[in-house]
């Protein structure tokens, strides 16, 4: 992601949006938080996530990426420069470790 513009449509009260913000902070990536009122959804959110109309949505390279775990995988796959280069989702070879992924999905905000 480097010097490219990174935006997150989310809310500080959403555990799913907070999950993505924590990931960006771990990876030392600067991002712009576009605070979303989940009761009065903006046109940007409806355009970026027309199917589910939910947060968080990552906008990178003018493309929306929805769902917090998909965003975490995207952050890992893009490969970020900087001091924190470890993977956010543990893997064995090319596959995520299913037990840890299940744990993250169910119990880690």
PDB file of N, CA and C in Angstrom:
ATOM      1  N   UNK A   1       0.827  -1.176   0.000  1.00  0.00           N
ATOM      2  CA  UNK A   1       0.000   0.000   0.000  1.00  0.00           C
ATOM      3  C   UNK A   1       0.868   1.234   0.000  1.00  0.00           C
ATOM      4  N   UNK A   2       1.980   1.167   0.709  1.00  0.00           N
ATOM      5  CA  UNK A   2       2.988   2.218   0.647  1.00  0.00           C
ATOM      6  C   UNK A   2       2.447   3.624   0.714  1.00  0.00           C
ATOM      7  N   UNK A   3       2.778   4.428  -0.296  1.00  0.00           N
ATOM      8  CA  UNK A   3       2.394   5.830  -0.287  1.00  0.00           C
ATOM      9  C   UNK A   3       1.020   6.054  -0.907  1.00  0.00           C
ATOM     10  N   UNK A   4       0.343   4.990  -1.314  1.00  0.00           N
ATOM     11  CA  UNK A   4      -0.964   5.122  -1.915  1.00  0.00           C
ATOM     12  C   UNK A   4      -1.992   5.475  -0.856  1.00  0.00           C
ATOM     13  N   UNK A   5      -3.063   6.122  -1.298  1.00  0.00           N
ATOM     14  CA  UNK A   5      -4.098   6.548  -0.378  1.00  0.00           C
ATOM     15  C   UNK A   5      -4.919   5.350   0.096  1.00  0.00           C
ATOM     16  N   UNK A   6      -5.087   5.240   1.397  1.00  0.00           N
ATOM     17  CA  UNK A   6      -5.845   4.154   2.007  1.00  0.00           C
ATOM     18  C   UNK A   6      -6.957   4.790   2.836  1.00  0.00           C
ATOM     19  N   UNK A   7      -8.192   4.376   2.556  1.00  0.00           N
ATOM     20  CA  UNK A   7      -9.343   4.888   3.304  1.00  0.00           C
ATOM     21  C   UNK A   7     -10.120   3.724   3.879  1.00  0.00           C
ATOM     22  N   UNK A   8     -10.658   3.938   5.055  1.00  0.00           N
ATOM     23  CA  UNK A   8     -11.508   2.944   5.693  1.00  0.00           C
ATOM     24  C   UNK A   8     -12.834   3.612   6.029  1.00  0.00           C
ATOM     25  N   UNK A   9     -13.903   3.048   5.485  1.00  0.00           N
ATOM     26  CA  UNK A   9     -15.239   3.493   5.881  1.00  0.00           C
ATOM     27  C   UNK A   9     -15.614   2.640   7.077  1.00  0.00           C
ATOM     28  N   UNK A  10     -15.825   3.279   8.207  1.00  0.00           N
ATOM     29  CA  UNK A  10     -16.101   2.508   9.414  1.00  0.00           C
ATOM     30  C   UNK A  10     -16.580   3.394  10.541  1.00  0.00           C
ATOM     31  N   UNK A  11     -16.605   2.808  11.707  1.00  0.00           N
ATOM     32  CA  UNK A  11     -17.025   3.516  12.912  1.00  0.00           C
ATOM     33  C   UNK A  11     -16.192   3.010  14.076  1.00  0.00           C
ATOM     34  N   UNK A  12     -15.833   3.898  14.954  1.00  0.00           N
ATOM     35  CA  UNK A  12     -15.026   3.510  16.112  1.00  0.00           C
ATOM     36  C   UNK A  12     -15.797   2.608  17.076  1.00  0.00           C
ATOM     37  N   UNK A  13     -17.110   2.518  16.922  1.00  0.00           N
ATOM     38  CA  UNK A  13     -17.906   1.667  17.809  1.00  0.00           C
ATOM     39  C   UNK A  13     -18.169   0.290  17.213  1.00  0.00           C
ATOM     40  N   UNK A  14     -17.741   0.046  16.000  1.00  0.00           N
ATOM     41  CA  UNK A  14     -17.930  -1.253  15.358  1.00  0.00           C
ATOM     42  C   UNK A  14     -16.702  -2.130  15.603  1.00  0.00           C
ATOM     43  N   UNK A  15     -16.880  -3.294  16.243  1.00  0.00           N
ATOM     44  CA  UNK A  15     -15.722  -4.158  16.480  1.00  0.00           C
ATOM     45  C   UNK A  15     -15.090  -4.651  15.177  1.00  0.00           C
ATOM     46  N   UNK A  16     -15.869  -4.768  14.118  1.00  0.00           N
ATOM     47  CA  UNK A  16     -15.335  -5.231  12.843  1.00  0.00           C
ATOM     48  C   UNK A  16     -14.478  -4.148  12.188  1.00  0.00           C
ATOM     49  N   UNK A  17     -14.910  -2.904  12.292  1.00  0.00           N
ATOM     50  CA  UNK A  17     -14.110  -1.801  11.774  1.00  0.00           C
ATOM     51  C   UNK A  17     -12.859  -1.605  12.627  1.00  0.00           C
ATOM     52  N   UNK A  18     -13.004  -1.740  13.925  1.00  0.00           N
ATOM     53  CA  UNK A  18     -11.857  -1.602  14.827  1.00  0.00           C
ATOM     54  C   UNK A  18     -10.810  -2.674  14.517  1.00  0.00           C
ATOM     55  N   UNK A  19     -11.258  -3.879  14.161  1.00  0.00           N
ATOM     56  CA  UNK A  19     -10.329  -4.952  13.784  1.00  0.00           C
ATOM     57  C   UNK A  19      -9.430  -4.501  12.638  1.00  0.00           C
ATOM     58  N   UNK A  20     -10.004  -3.853  11.630  1.00  0.00           N
ATOM     59  CA  UNK A  20      -9.196  -3.403  10.489  1.00  0.00           C
ATOM     60  C   UNK A  20      -8.283  -2.253  10.889  1.00  0.00           C
ATOM     61  N   UNK A  21      -8.768  -1.362  11.744  1.00  0.00           N
ATOM     62  CA  UNK A  21      -7.930  -0.242  12.180  1.00  0.00           C
ATOM     63  C   UNK A  21      -6.744  -0.739  13.008  1.00  0.00           C
ATOM     64  N   UNK A  22      -6.968  -1.749  13.841  1.00  0.00           N
ATOM     65  CA  UNK A  22      -5.875  -2.343  14.612  1.00  0.00           C
ATOM     66  C   UNK A  22      -4.839  -2.939  13.659  1.00  0.00           C
ATOM     67  N   UNK A  23      -5.321  -3.613  12.611  1.00  0.00           N
ATOM     68  CA  UNK A  23      -4.408  -4.217  11.633  1.00  0.00           C
ATOM     69  C   UNK A  23      -3.543  -3.151  10.967  1.00  0.00           C
ATOM     70  N   UNK A  24      -4.132  -2.028  10.586  1.00  0.00           N
ATOM     71  CA  UNK A  24      -3.348  -0.955   9.965  1.00  0.00           C
ATOM     72  C   UNK A  24      -2.345  -0.380  10.950  1.00  0.00           C
ATOM     73  N   UNK A  25      -2.730  -0.270  12.204  1.00  0.00           N
ATOM     74  CA  UNK A  25      -1.793   0.240  13.208  1.00  0.00           C
ATOM     75  C   UNK A  25      -0.656  -0.745  13.440  1.00  0.00           C
ATOM     76  N   UNK A  26      -0.949  -2.043  13.453  1.00  0.00           N
ATOM     77  CA  UNK A  26       0.105  -3.053  13.599  1.00  0.00           C
ATOM     78  C   UNK A  26       1.087  -2.966  12.441  1.00  0.00           C
ATOM     79  N   UNK A  27       0.555  -2.779  11.230  1.00  0.00           N
ATOM     80  CA  UNK A  27       1.391  -2.718  10.032  1.00  0.00           C
ATOM     81  C   UNK A  27       1.995  -1.333   9.793  1.00  0.00           C
ATOM     82  N   UNK A  28       1.702  -0.372  10.663  1.00  0.00           N
ATOM     83  CA  UNK A  28       2.214   1.000  10.549  1.00  0.00           C
ATOM     84  C   UNK A  28       1.815   1.636   9.210  1.00  0.00           C
ATOM     85  N   UNK A  29       0.570   1.443   8.815  1.00  0.00           N
ATOM     86  CA  UNK A  29       0.045   2.017   7.575  1.00  0.00           C
ATOM     87  C   UNK A  29      -0.856   3.189   7.935  1.00  0.00           C
ATOM     88  N   UNK A  30      -0.596   4.309   7.295  1.00  0.00           N
ATOM     89  CA  UNK A  30      -1.453   5.469   7.506  1.00  0.00           C
ATOM     90  C   UNK A  30      -2.722   5.296   6.692  1.00  0.00           C
ATOM     91  N   UNK A  31      -3.845   5.631   7.293  1.00  0.00           N
ATOM     92  CA  UNK A  31      -5.127   5.506   6.626  1.00  0.00           C
ATOM     93  C   UNK A  31      -6.026   6.663   7.051  1.00  0.00           C
ATOM     94  N   UNK A  32      -7.002   6.924   6.215  1.00  0.00           N
ATOM     95  CA  UNK A  32      -8.002   7.934   6.544  1.00  0.00           C
ATOM     96  C   UNK A  32      -9.269   7.211   6.950  1.00  0.00           C
ATOM     97  N   UNK A  33      -9.767   7.504   8.152  1.00  0.00           N
ATOM     98  CA  UNK A  33     -11.017   6.911   8.611  1.00  0.00           C
ATOM     99  C   UNK A  33     -12.157   7.819   8.190  1.00  0.00           C
ATOM    100  N   UNK A  34     -13.062   7.269   7.428  1.00  0.00           N
ATOM    101  CA  UNK A  34     -14.281   7.976   7.056  1.00  0.00           C
ATOM    102  C   UNK A  34     -15.363   7.465   7.999  1.00  0.00           C
ATOM    103  N   UNK A  35     -15.658   8.278   9.002  1.00  0.00           N
ATOM    104  CA  UNK A  35     -16.601   7.883  10.051  1.00  0.00           C
ATOM    105  C   UNK A  35     -17.999   7.755   9.457  1.00  0.00           C
ATOM    106  N   UNK A  36     -18.604   6.592   9.663  1.00  0.00           N
ATOM    107  CA  UNK A  36     -19.908   6.285   9.082  1.00  0.00           C
ATOM    108  C   UNK A  36     -20.962   6.206  10.177  1.00  0.00           C
ATOM    109  N   UNK A  37     -22.081   6.855   9.941  1.00  0.00           N
ATOM    110  CA  UNK A  37     -23.232   6.738  10.828  1.00  0.00           C
ATOM    111  C   UNK A  37     -24.023   5.530  10.351  1.00  0.00           C
ATOM    112  N   UNK A  38     -24.015   4.459  11.118  1.00  0.00           N
ATOM    113  CA  UNK A  38     -24.636   3.225  10.645  1.00  0.00           C
ATOM    114  C   UNK A  38     -26.163   3.303  10.601  1.00  0.00           C
ATOM    115  N   UNK A  39     -26.736   4.286  11.248  1.00  0.00           N
ATOM    116  CA  UNK A  39     -28.186   4.467  11.176  1.00  0.00           C
ATOM    117  C   UNK A  39     -28.600   5.287   9.963  1.00  0.00           C
ATOM    118  N   UNK A  40     -27.690   6.112   9.451  1.00  0.00           N
ATOM    119  CA  UNK A  40     -27.960   6.951   8.289  1.00  0.00           C
ATOM    120  C   UNK A  40     -26.802   6.754   7.309  1.00  0.00           C
ATOM    121  N   UNK A  41     -26.875   5.713   6.490  1.00  0.00           N
ATOM    122  CA  UNK A  41     -25.756   5.306   5.653  1.00  0.00           C
ATOM    123  C   UNK A  41     -25.511   6.289   4.509  1.00  0.00           C
ATOM    124  N   UNK A  42     -24.239   6.571   4.278  1.00  0.00           N
ATOM    125  CA  UNK A  42     -23.851   7.534   3.256  1.00  0.00           C
ATOM    126  C   UNK A  42     -23.905   6.910   1.866  1.00  0.00           C
ATOM    127  N   UNK A  43     -23.922   7.770   0.864  1.00  0.00           N
ATOM    128  CA  UNK A  43     -23.897   7.307  -0.522  1.00  0.00           C
ATOM    129  C   UNK A  43     -22.597   6.566  -0.824  1.00  0.00           C
ATOM    130  N   UNK A  44     -21.487   7.007  -0.217  1.00  0.00           N
ATOM    131  CA  UNK A  44     -20.208   6.345  -0.436  1.00  0.00           C
ATOM    132  C   UNK A  44     -20.259   4.892   0.047  1.00  0.00           C
ATOM    133  N   UNK A  45     -20.839   4.655   1.220  1.00  0.00           N
ATOM    134  CA  UNK A  45     -20.963   3.287   1.726  1.00  0.00           C
ATOM    135  C   UNK A  45     -21.869   2.459   0.826  1.00  0.00           C
ATOM    136  N   UNK A  46     -23.000   3.013   0.434  1.00  0.00           N
ATOM    137  CA  UNK A  46     -23.942   2.277  -0.406  1.00  0.00           C
ATOM    138  C   UNK A  46     -23.341   1.961  -1.774  1.00  0.00           C
ATOM    139  N   UNK A  47     -22.499   2.860  -2.278  1.00  0.00           N
ATOM    140  CA  UNK A  47     -21.827   2.627  -3.554  1.00  0.00           C
ATOM    141  C   UNK A  47     -20.689   1.607  -3.387  1.00  0.00           C
ATOM    142  N   UNK A  48     -19.979   1.668  -2.265  1.00  0.00           N
ATOM    143  CA  UNK A  48     -18.818   0.810  -2.038  1.00  0.00           C
ATOM    144  C   UNK A  48     -19.207  -0.614  -1.641  1.00  0.00           C
ATOM    145  N   UNK A  49     -20.297  -0.770  -0.949  1.00  0.00           N
ATOM    146  CA  UNK A  49     -20.760  -2.089  -0.508  1.00  0.00           C
ATOM    147  C   UNK A  49     -22.259  -2.208  -0.804  1.00  0.00           C
ATOM    148  N   UNK A  50     -22.628  -2.308  -2.084  1.00  0.00           N
ATOM    149  CA  UNK A  50     -24.043  -2.273  -2.452  1.00  0.00           C
ATOM    150  C   UNK A  50     -24.823  -3.518  -2.046  1.00  0.00           C
ATOM    151  N   UNK A  51     -24.161  -4.642  -1.816  1.00  0.00           N
ATOM    152  CA  UNK A  51     -24.874  -5.870  -1.486  1.00  0.00           C
ATOM    153  C   UNK A  51     -25.285  -5.889  -0.014  1.00  0.00           C
ATOM    154  N   UNK A  52     -24.309  -5.752   0.891  1.00  0.00           N
ATOM    155  CA  UNK A  52     -24.597  -5.859   2.325  1.00  0.00           C
ATOM    156  C   UNK A  52     -24.800  -4.513   3.009  1.00  0.00           C
ATOM    157  N   UNK A  53     -24.231  -3.461   2.421  1.00  0.00           N
ATOM    158  CA  UNK A  53     -24.376  -2.100   2.975  1.00  0.00           C
ATOM    159  C   UNK A  53     -23.863  -2.014   4.414  1.00  0.00           C
ATOM    160  N   UNK A  54     -22.733  -2.707   4.688  1.00  0.00           N
ATOM    161  CA  UNK A  54     -22.183  -2.742   6.044  1.00  0.00           C
ATOM    162  C   UNK A  54     -20.741  -2.268   6.044  1.00  0.00           C
ATOM    163  N   UNK A  55     -20.286  -1.879   7.241  1.00  0.00           N
ATOM    164  CA  UNK A  55     -18.905  -1.500   7.451  1.00  0.00           C
ATOM    165  C   UNK A  55     -18.180  -2.692   8.050  1.00  0.00           C
ATOM    166  N   UNK A  56     -16.883  -2.749   7.923  1.00  0.00           N
ATOM    167  CA  UNK A  56     -15.954  -1.799   7.314  1.00  0.00           C
ATOM    168  C   UNK A  56     -15.800  -2.053   5.821  1.00  0.00           C
ATOM    169  N   UNK A  57     -15.355  -1.003   5.140  1.00  0.00           N
ATOM    170  CA  UNK A  57     -14.990  -1.084   3.732  1.00  0.00           C
ATOM    171  C   UNK A  57     -13.634  -0.401   3.584  1.00  0.00           C
ATOM    172  N   UNK A  58     -12.685  -1.119   3.014  1.00  0.00           N
ATOM    173  CA  UNK A  58     -11.383  -0.558   2.691  1.00  0.00           C
ATOM    174  C   UNK A  58     -11.447  -0.059   1.255  1.00  0.00           C
ATOM    175  N   UNK A  59     -10.993   1.151   1.021  1.00  0.00           N
ATOM    176  CA  UNK A  59     -10.885   1.670  -0.337  1.00  0.00           C
ATOM    177  C   UNK A  59      -9.406   1.861  -0.620  1.00  0.00           C
ATOM    178  N   UNK A  60      -8.903   1.053  -1.548  1.00  0.00           N
ATOM    179  CA  UNK A  60      -7.493   1.095  -1.919  1.00  0.00           C
ATOM    180  C   UNK A  60      -7.409   0.978  -3.428  1.00  0.00           C
ATOM    181  N   UNK A  61      -6.624   1.845  -4.032  1.00  0.00           N
ATOM    182  CA  UNK A  61      -6.523   1.900  -5.495  1.00  0.00           C
ATOM    183  C   UNK A  61      -7.901   2.091  -6.137  1.00  0.00           C
ATOM    184  N   UNK A  62      -8.733   2.856  -5.466  1.00  0.00           N
ATOM    185  CA  UNK A  62     -10.092   3.187  -5.902  1.00  0.00           C
ATOM    186  C   UNK A  62     -10.987   1.961  -6.022  1.00  0.00           C
ATOM    187  N   UNK A  63     -10.628   0.887  -5.316  1.00  0.00           N
ATOM    188  CA  UNK A  63     -11.433  -0.323  -5.305  1.00  0.00           C
ATOM    189  C   UNK A  63     -11.891  -0.598  -3.881  1.00  0.00           C
ATOM    190  N   UNK A  64     -13.170  -0.895  -3.697  1.00  0.00           N
ATOM    191  CA  UNK A  64     -13.656  -1.231  -2.360  1.00  0.00           C
ATOM    192  C   UNK A  64     -13.413  -2.695  -2.029  1.00  0.00           C
ATOM    193  N   UNK A  65     -13.014  -2.953  -0.801  1.00  0.00           N
ATOM    194  CA  UNK A  65     -12.849  -4.303  -0.281  1.00  0.00           C
ATOM    195  C   UNK A  65     -13.674  -4.368   0.993  1.00  0.00           C
ATOM    196  N   UNK A  66     -14.601  -5.311   1.049  1.00  0.00           N
ATOM    197  CA  UNK A  66     -15.556  -5.387   2.153  1.00  0.00           C
ATOM    198  C   UNK A  66     -15.265  -6.591   3.044  1.00  0.00           C
ATOM    199  N   UNK A  67     -15.809  -6.555   4.251  1.00  0.00           N
ATOM    200  CA  UNK A  67     -15.676  -7.609   5.257  1.00  0.00           C
ATOM    201  C   UNK A  67     -14.303  -7.556   5.925  1.00  0.00           C
ATOM    202  N   UNK A  68     -14.300  -7.531   7.241  1.00  0.00           N
ATOM    203  CA  UNK A  68     -13.056  -7.320   7.982  1.00  0.00           C
ATOM    204  C   UNK A  68     -12.015  -8.409   7.745  1.00  0.00           C
ATOM    205  N   UNK A  69     -12.403  -9.679   7.711  1.00  0.00           N
ATOM    206  CA  UNK A  69     -11.405 -10.728   7.500  1.00  0.00           C
ATOM    207  C   UNK A  69     -10.862 -10.717   6.073  1.00  0.00           C
ATOM    208  N   UNK A  70     -11.691 -10.353   5.118  1.00  0.00           N
ATOM    209  CA  UNK A  70     -11.216 -10.216   3.740  1.00  0.00           C
ATOM    210  C   UNK A  70     -10.217  -9.068   3.657  1.00  0.00           C
ATOM    211  N   UNK A  71     -10.488  -8.004   4.395  1.00  0.00           N
ATOM    212  CA  UNK A  71      -9.560  -6.863   4.433  1.00  0.00           C
ATOM    213  C   UNK A  71      -8.225  -7.302   5.042  1.00  0.00           C
ATOM    214  N   UNK A  72      -8.258  -8.099   6.123  1.00  0.00           N
ATOM    215  CA  UNK A  72      -7.010  -8.583   6.728  1.00  0.00           C
ATOM    216  C   UNK A  72      -6.218  -9.430   5.736  1.00  0.00           C
ATOM    217  N   UNK A  73      -6.894 -10.315   5.011  1.00  0.00           N
ATOM    218  CA  UNK A  73      -6.208 -11.121   4.002  1.00  0.00           C
ATOM    219  C   UNK A  73      -5.611 -10.232   2.921  1.00  0.00           C
ATOM    220  N   UNK A  74      -6.351  -9.211   2.507  1.00  0.00           N
ATOM    221  CA  UNK A  74      -5.862  -8.298   1.475  1.00  0.00           C
ATOM    222  C   UNK A  74      -4.605  -7.574   1.944  1.00  0.00           C
ATOM    223  N   UNK A  75      -4.616  -7.119   3.199  1.00  0.00           N
ATOM    224  CA  UNK A  75      -3.448  -6.433   3.744  1.00  0.00           C
ATOM    225  C   UNK A  75      -2.230  -7.357   3.702  1.00  0.00           C
ATOM    226  N   UNK A  76      -2.429  -8.621   4.059  1.00  0.00           N
ATOM    227  CA  UNK A  76      -1.332  -9.588   4.016  1.00  0.00           C
ATOM    228  C   UNK A  76      -0.861  -9.839   2.592  1.00  0.00           C
ATOM    229  N   UNK A  77      -1.789  -9.991   1.645  1.00  0.00           N
ATOM    230  CA  UNK A  77      -1.432 -10.330   0.270  1.00  0.00           C
ATOM    231  C   UNK A  77      -0.757  -9.189  -0.471  1.00  0.00           C
ATOM    232  N   UNK A  78      -1.160  -7.958  -0.171  1.00  0.00           N
ATOM    233  CA  UNK A  78      -0.565  -6.810  -0.848  1.00  0.00           C
ATOM    234  C   UNK A  78       0.890  -6.663  -0.438  1.00  0.00           C
ATOM    235  N   UNK A  79       1.197  -7.008   0.793  1.00  0.00           N
ATOM    236  CA  UNK A  79       2.569  -6.895   1.288  1.00  0.00           C
ATOM    237  C   UNK A  79       2.916  -5.441   1.547  1.00  0.00           C
ATOM    238  N   UNK A  80       3.097  -5.123   2.774  1.00  0.00           N
ATOM    239  CA  UNK A  80       3.323  -3.741   3.154  1.00  0.00           C
ATOM    240  C   UNK A  80       4.770  -3.521   3.556  1.00  0.00           C
ATOM    241  N   UNK A  81       5.348  -2.435   3.102  1.00  0.00           N
ATOM    242  CA  UNK A  81       6.685  -2.106   3.575  1.00  0.00           C
ATOM    243  C   UNK A  81       6.617  -1.566   5.001  1.00  0.00           C
ATOM    244  N   UNK A  82       7.703  -1.618   5.679  1.00  0.00           N
ATOM    245  CA  UNK A  82       7.729  -1.042   7.012  1.00  0.00           C
ATOM    246  C   UNK A  82       8.230  -2.033   8.034  1.00  0.00           C
ATOM    247  N   UNK A  83       8.273  -1.603   9.292  1.00  0.00           N
ATOM    248  CA  UNK A  83       8.872  -2.427  10.332  1.00  0.00           C
ATOM    249  C   UNK A  83       8.061  -3.673  10.670  1.00  0.00           C
ATOM    250  N   UNK A  84       6.773  -3.649  10.466  1.00  0.00           N
ATOM    251  CA  UNK A  84       5.923  -4.776  10.830  1.00  0.00           C
ATOM    252  C   UNK A  84       5.545  -5.565   9.585  1.00  0.00           C
ATOM    253  N   UNK A  85       6.309  -6.587   9.252  1.00  0.00           N
ATOM    254  CA  UNK A  85       6.047  -7.354   8.043  1.00  0.00           C
ATOM    255  C   UNK A  85       5.436  -8.719   8.330  1.00  0.00           C
ATOM    256  N   UNK A  86       5.117  -9.031   9.593  1.00  0.00           N
ATOM    257  CA  UNK A  86       4.519 -10.328   9.901  1.00  0.00           C
ATOM    258  C   UNK A  86       3.085 -10.386   9.383  1.00  0.00           C
ATOM    259  N   UNK A  87       2.622 -11.604   9.154  1.00  0.00           N
ATOM    260  CA  UNK A  87       1.278 -11.804   8.643  1.00  0.00           C
ATOM    261  C   UNK A  87       0.248 -11.593   9.745  1.00  0.00           C
ATOM    262  N   UNK A  88      -0.895 -11.044   9.365  1.00  0.00           N
ATOM    263  CA  UNK A  88      -1.979 -10.842  10.314  1.00  0.00           C
ATOM    264  C   UNK A  88      -2.754 -12.134  10.549  1.00  0.00           C
ATOM    265  N   UNK A  89      -2.909 -12.939   9.496  1.00  0.00           N
ATOM    266  CA  UNK A  89      -3.608 -14.213   9.593  1.00  0.00           C
ATOM    267  C   UNK A  89      -2.558 -15.313   9.463  1.00  0.00           C
ATOM    268  N   UNK A  90      -2.367 -16.127  10.511  1.00  0.00           N
ATOM    269  CA  UNK A  90      -1.343 -17.176  10.471  1.00  0.00           C
ATOM    270  C   UNK A  90      -1.604 -18.173   9.343  1.00  0.00           C
ATOM    271  N   UNK A  91      -0.533 -18.670   8.716  1.00  0.00           N
ATOM    272  CA  UNK A  91      -0.672 -19.616   7.621  1.00  0.00           C
ATOM    273  C   UNK A  91       0.290 -20.780   7.795  1.00  0.00           C
ATOM    274  N   UNK A  92      -0.073 -21.878   7.163  1.00  0.00           N
ATOM    275  CA  UNK A  92       0.841 -23.003   6.971  1.00  0.00           C
ATOM    276  C   UNK A  92       0.912 -23.171   5.470  1.00  0.00           C
ATOM    277  N   UNK A  93       2.043 -22.808   4.889  1.00  0.00           N
ATOM    278  CA  UNK A  93       2.134 -22.787   3.426  1.00  0.00           C
ATOM    279  C   UNK A  93       1.209 -21.705   2.886  1.00  0.00           C
ATOM    280  N   UNK A  94       0.461 -21.989   1.837  1.00  0.00           N
ATOM    281  CA  UNK A  94      -0.417 -20.968   1.262  1.00  0.00           C
ATOM    282  C   UNK A  94      -1.777 -20.879   1.943  1.00  0.00           C
ATOM    283  N   UNK A  95      -2.085 -21.807   2.859  1.00  0.00           N
ATOM    284  CA  UNK A  95      -3.410 -21.864   3.467  1.00  0.00           C
ATOM    285  C   UNK A  95      -3.416 -21.244   4.868  1.00  0.00           C
ATOM    286  N   UNK A  96      -4.495 -20.493   5.201  1.00  0.00           N
ATOM    287  CA  UNK A  96      -4.619 -20.000   6.575  1.00  0.00           C
ATOM    288  C   UNK A  96      -4.787 -21.159   7.550  1.00  0.00           C
ATOM    289  N   UNK A  97      -4.324 -20.976   8.751  1.00  0.00           N
ATOM    290  CA  UNK A  97      -4.507 -21.979   9.799  1.00  0.00           C
ATOM    291  C   UNK A  97      -5.963 -21.890  10.237  1.00  0.00           C
ATOM    292  N   UNK A  98      -6.742 -22.915   9.920  1.00  0.00           N
ATOM    293  CA  UNK A  98      -8.187 -22.833  10.082  1.00  0.00           C
ATOM    294  C   UNK A  98      -8.612 -22.669  11.535  1.00  0.00           C
ATOM    295  N   UNK A  99      -7.964 -23.334  12.465  1.00  0.00           N
ATOM    296  CA  UNK A  99      -8.343 -23.209  13.864  1.00  0.00           C
ATOM    297  C   UNK A  99      -8.140 -21.796  14.388  1.00  0.00           C
ATOM    298  N   UNK A 100      -7.003 -21.202  14.057  1.00  0.00           N
ATOM    299  CA  UNK A 100      -6.747 -19.828  14.491  1.00  0.00           C
ATOM    300  C   UNK A 100      -7.655 -18.838  13.782  1.00  0.00           C
ATOM    301  N   UNK A 101      -7.956 -19.090  12.502  1.00  0.00           N
ATOM    302  CA  UNK A 101      -8.863 -18.210  11.774  1.00  0.00           C
ATOM    303  C   UNK A 101     -10.255 -18.269  12.382  1.00  0.00           C
ATOM    304  N   UNK A 102     -10.694 -19.477  12.762  1.00  0.00           N
ATOM    305  CA  UNK A 102     -11.989 -19.623  13.417  1.00  0.00           C
ATOM    306  C   UNK A 102     -11.995 -18.889  14.747  1.00  0.00           C
ATOM    307  N   UNK A 103     -10.924 -19.019  15.516  1.00  0.00           N
ATOM    308  CA  UNK A 103     -10.814 -18.323  16.789  1.00  0.00           C
ATOM    309  C   UNK A 103     -10.895 -16.817  16.587  1.00  0.00           C
ATOM    310  N   UNK A 104     -10.160 -16.301  15.582  1.00  0.00           N
ATOM    311  CA  UNK A 104     -10.176 -14.861  15.307  1.00  0.00           C
ATOM    312  C   UNK A 104     -11.575 -14.402  14.906  1.00  0.00           C
ATOM    313  N   UNK A 105     -12.262 -15.216  14.130  1.00  0.00           N
ATOM    314  CA  UNK A 105     -13.582 -14.836  13.640  1.00  0.00           C
ATOM    315  C   UNK A 105     -14.594 -14.769  14.755  1.00  0.00           C
ATOM    316  N   UNK A 106     -14.524 -15.724  15.662  1.00  0.00           N
ATOM    317  CA  UNK A 106     -15.551 -15.820  16.689  1.00  0.00           C
ATOM    318  C   UNK A 106     -15.268 -15.019  17.948  1.00  0.00           C
ATOM    319  N   UNK A 107     -13.989 -14.883  18.301  1.00  0.00           N
ATOM    320  CA  UNK A 107     -13.694 -14.343  19.622  1.00  0.00           C
ATOM    321  C   UNK A 107     -12.852 -13.081  19.661  1.00  0.00           C
ATOM    322  N   UNK A 108     -12.240 -12.708  18.562  1.00  0.00           N
ATOM    323  CA  UNK A 108     -11.399 -11.512  18.549  1.00  0.00           C
ATOM    324  C   UNK A 108     -12.130 -10.418  17.789  1.00  0.00           C
ATOM    325  N   UNK A 109     -12.416  -9.300  18.421  1.00  0.00           N
ATOM    326  CA  UNK A 109     -13.143  -8.233  17.718  1.00  0.00           C
ATOM    327  C   UNK A 109     -12.339  -7.632  16.596  1.00  0.00           C
TER     328      UNK A 109
END
